[in-house]
Protein backbone atom coordinates (compact mmCIF):
# COMPACT_ATOMS: atom_id res chain seq x y z
CA MET A 1 105.87 208.60 390.04
CA PHE A 2 107.03 210.88 387.23
CA LYS A 3 108.83 213.33 389.49
CA ARG A 4 112.52 213.93 389.40
CA SER A 5 114.45 212.19 392.03
CA SER A 6 115.92 214.34 394.73
CA SER A 7 119.41 213.15 393.87
CA VAL A 8 119.37 215.03 390.54
CA GLU A 9 121.22 218.30 390.86
CA ALA A 10 119.52 221.53 390.01
CA ASP A 11 120.32 223.04 386.63
CA PRO A 12 123.39 225.21 386.73
CA ALA A 13 122.78 228.93 386.42
CA PRO A 14 122.90 230.12 382.83
CA ASP A 15 125.95 232.02 381.66
CA ASP A 16 125.45 235.65 380.87
CA ASP A 17 127.47 235.19 377.67
CA ALA A 18 125.38 232.19 376.54
CA SER A 19 122.07 234.01 376.99
CA ALA A 20 123.33 236.98 374.99
CA LYS A 21 124.28 234.81 372.05
CA ALA A 22 121.39 233.45 369.96
CA PRO A 23 121.55 229.76 369.12
CA ALA A 24 122.45 228.78 365.57
CA GLY A 25 119.46 229.01 363.24
CA SER A 26 117.54 231.41 365.47
CA LYS A 27 115.37 233.99 363.74
CA GLY A 28 116.36 236.74 366.17
CA ARG A 29 112.83 237.79 367.15
CA ALA A 30 109.92 236.48 369.17
CA THR A 31 107.32 234.22 367.61
CA PRO A 32 104.14 236.22 367.00
CA LYS A 33 100.84 235.19 368.54
CA ARG A 34 98.54 233.14 366.34
CA SER A 35 95.98 235.97 366.09
CA VAL A 36 98.65 238.40 364.93
CA ALA A 37 99.99 235.96 362.30
CA GLN A 38 96.50 235.20 360.99
CA ALA A 39 95.62 238.88 360.80
CA ARG A 40 98.79 239.52 358.80
CA ASN A 41 97.95 236.72 356.35
CA ARG A 42 94.39 237.87 355.66
CA THR A 43 93.73 239.25 352.21
CA THR A 44 90.65 240.87 350.78
CA VAL A 45 88.82 239.47 347.79
CA ILE A 46 87.31 242.04 345.48
CA ALA A 47 84.53 240.67 343.30
CA GLN A 48 84.70 241.64 339.67
CA GLY A 49 81.36 242.80 338.39
CA GLY A 50 79.52 241.89 341.56
CA LYS A 51 75.90 240.87 341.77
CA GLY A 52 73.49 242.67 339.55
CA GLY A 53 74.45 245.55 337.32
CA LYS A 54 75.98 245.33 333.88
CA GLY A 55 79.11 243.46 335.00
CA GLY A 56 77.22 240.42 336.25
CA ARG A 57 74.96 240.14 333.22
CA ALA A 58 77.80 240.56 330.77
CA SER A 59 79.85 237.80 332.38
CA ARG A 60 76.82 235.47 332.43
CA ALA A 61 76.24 236.22 328.76
CA GLU A 62 79.89 235.47 328.00
CA VAL A 63 79.70 232.19 329.89
CA ALA A 64 76.52 231.23 328.03
CA ALA A 65 78.14 232.10 324.69
CA ARG A 66 81.21 230.00 325.51
CA ARG A 67 79.02 227.09 326.62
CA GLU A 68 77.01 227.26 323.38
CA ALA A 69 80.21 227.40 321.32
CA PHE A 70 81.48 224.33 323.19
CA ARG A 71 78.25 222.47 322.48
CA ARG A 72 78.48 223.34 318.79
CA GLY A 73 82.06 222.10 318.69
CA ASP A 74 83.65 225.47 317.89
CA GLU A 75 87.40 224.83 317.91
CA SER A 76 88.23 227.93 319.99
CA ALA A 77 85.84 226.91 322.79
CA LEU A 78 87.03 223.31 323.09
CA PRO A 79 89.46 222.17 325.78
CA ALA A 80 92.90 221.05 324.59
CA ARG A 81 91.97 217.35 324.73
CA ASP A 82 89.16 217.86 322.18
CA ARG A 83 90.95 220.13 319.70
CA GLY A 84 92.25 219.26 316.28
CA PRO A 85 91.07 217.50 313.15
CA VAL A 86 92.04 214.05 314.43
CA ARG A 87 89.91 214.34 317.57
CA ARG A 88 87.05 215.80 315.50
CA TRP A 89 87.20 212.77 313.18
CA VAL A 90 87.28 210.37 316.16
CA ARG A 91 84.20 212.09 317.63
CA ASP A 92 82.39 211.81 314.31
CA TYR A 93 83.38 208.15 313.96
CA VAL A 94 82.13 207.28 317.44
CA ASP A 95 78.91 209.25 316.94
CA SER A 96 78.19 207.54 313.61
CA ARG A 97 78.26 203.99 314.94
CA ARG A 98 76.32 201.98 317.45
CA SER A 99 78.45 200.43 320.15
CA ILE A 100 77.82 197.96 322.93
CA ILE A 101 79.58 200.15 325.48
CA SER A 102 76.83 202.78 325.17
CA TRP A 103 74.50 200.22 326.78
CA PHE A 104 76.80 199.85 329.80
CA ILE A 105 74.64 201.72 332.33
CA PRO A 106 71.31 200.05 331.43
CA ALA A 107 73.04 196.65 331.30
CA ALA A 108 74.64 197.26 334.68
CA LEU A 109 71.19 197.83 336.15
CA VAL A 110 69.93 194.59 334.59
CA ILE A 111 72.97 192.71 335.89
CA LEU A 112 72.39 194.20 339.32
CA LEU A 113 68.78 193.02 339.27
CA LEU A 114 69.84 189.53 338.12
CA SER A 115 72.60 189.16 340.72
CA PRO A 116 70.37 187.46 343.34
CA PHE A 117 69.67 184.68 340.85
CA GLY A 118 73.25 183.38 340.95
CA THR A 119 74.52 181.89 337.72
CA ILE A 120 72.11 183.75 335.41
CA GLY A 121 73.43 187.12 336.56
CA ALA A 122 77.04 185.94 336.43
CA VAL A 123 76.67 184.57 332.89
CA VAL A 124 75.02 187.78 331.65
CA GLN A 125 77.77 189.82 333.27
CA VAL A 126 80.59 187.79 331.72
CA VAL A 127 78.97 187.83 328.26
CA PHE A 128 78.45 191.57 328.44
CA VAL A 129 82.01 192.30 329.61
CA VAL A 130 83.49 190.11 326.85
CA ALA A 131 81.30 191.84 324.25
CA ILE A 132 82.45 195.26 325.48
CA ILE A 133 86.11 194.23 325.31
CA VAL A 134 85.77 192.86 321.78
CA ASP A 135 83.78 195.86 320.53
CA THR A 136 86.18 198.38 322.10
CA THR A 137 89.26 196.57 320.77
CA LEU A 138 87.86 196.48 317.23
CA MET A 139 86.83 200.15 317.44
CA THR A 140 90.28 201.20 318.70
CA ARG A 141 92.10 199.26 315.96
CA ARG A 142 89.88 200.70 313.26
CA ILE A 143 90.39 204.23 314.58
CA ARG A 144 94.17 203.84 314.64
CA THR A 145 94.38 202.48 311.09
CA GLN A 146 92.01 205.14 309.75
CA VAL A 147 93.90 207.95 311.49
CA GLN A 148 97.22 206.69 310.09
CA GLN A 149 95.70 206.68 306.59
CA ARG A 150 93.79 209.97 306.79
CA PHE A 151 96.21 211.98 308.93
CA PRO A 152 99.72 210.67 308.24
CA GLY A 153 102.29 211.61 310.85
CA GLN A 154 99.70 212.33 313.57
CA PRO A 155 100.15 210.42 316.83
CA THR A 156 97.49 207.85 317.69
CA LYS A 157 98.32 207.60 321.37
CA GLY A 158 95.27 208.15 323.57
CA LEU A 159 92.72 208.00 320.76
CA GLY A 160 91.38 204.62 321.87
CA TYR A 161 90.64 205.86 325.37
CA TYR A 162 89.18 209.09 323.95
CA ALA A 163 86.83 207.08 321.73
CA PHE A 164 85.97 204.67 324.56
CA SER A 165 85.08 207.46 326.98
CA ARG A 166 82.92 209.20 324.36
CA ALA A 167 81.19 205.98 323.31
CA MET A 168 80.38 205.14 326.92
CA MET A 169 78.19 208.24 327.32
CA PHE A 170 74.60 208.42 326.19
CA ARG A 171 74.49 210.08 322.79
CA ARG A 172 72.40 213.05 323.93
CA MET A 173 74.81 213.75 326.83
CA ARG A 174 77.98 213.89 324.73
CA MET A 175 79.87 217.17 324.60
CA PRO A 176 80.49 218.59 322.08
CA LYS A 177 77.17 217.53 320.59
CA PRO A 178 77.30 214.91 317.81
CA ARG A 179 77.55 216.46 314.34
CA VAL A 180 76.66 213.34 312.40
CA GLU A 181 73.70 210.97 312.43
CA ARG A 182 73.97 207.30 313.32
CA GLY A 183 74.95 205.21 310.32
CA ALA A 184 76.48 208.16 308.47
CA LYS A 185 79.52 207.48 306.31
CA ILE A 186 82.63 209.15 307.72
């Protein structure tokens, strides 16, 4: 069925000149076997410090020191998104106030439990979402106006999302740890 018909002529014999010339774009050598190519590409990884010994303990101590500095809010240990006086003020502002968004996870569980009851669950969900939107909008506007007053010339782009993402976490899980108490004047 998929055979060539007998009427097709056999391929002409290749020219000696054509076989001597390499086609355009040819690399000029045979393709290596897969095992040879993989062996050539292997590299060795040398562990620094290794397990046990002074090297391992020193690096663990350094990591622990960096983690503790990050928790404290030490400027040198913070990632770039958390650095600077503006971000520090935004963190303090968010940590000093109570926000509805911080109740998102417990409220989501309540909404999930109320969902089989139809309209009750839907009404609670809509009310909660509207409250979050209003609270977040007011918080973002207040942050932008305060930053423009306290830090003139500093950009305010991204501060609303930064505050929203920090406010959404439980207070004890926020990193860097809150420096101010709830209700404190910023």
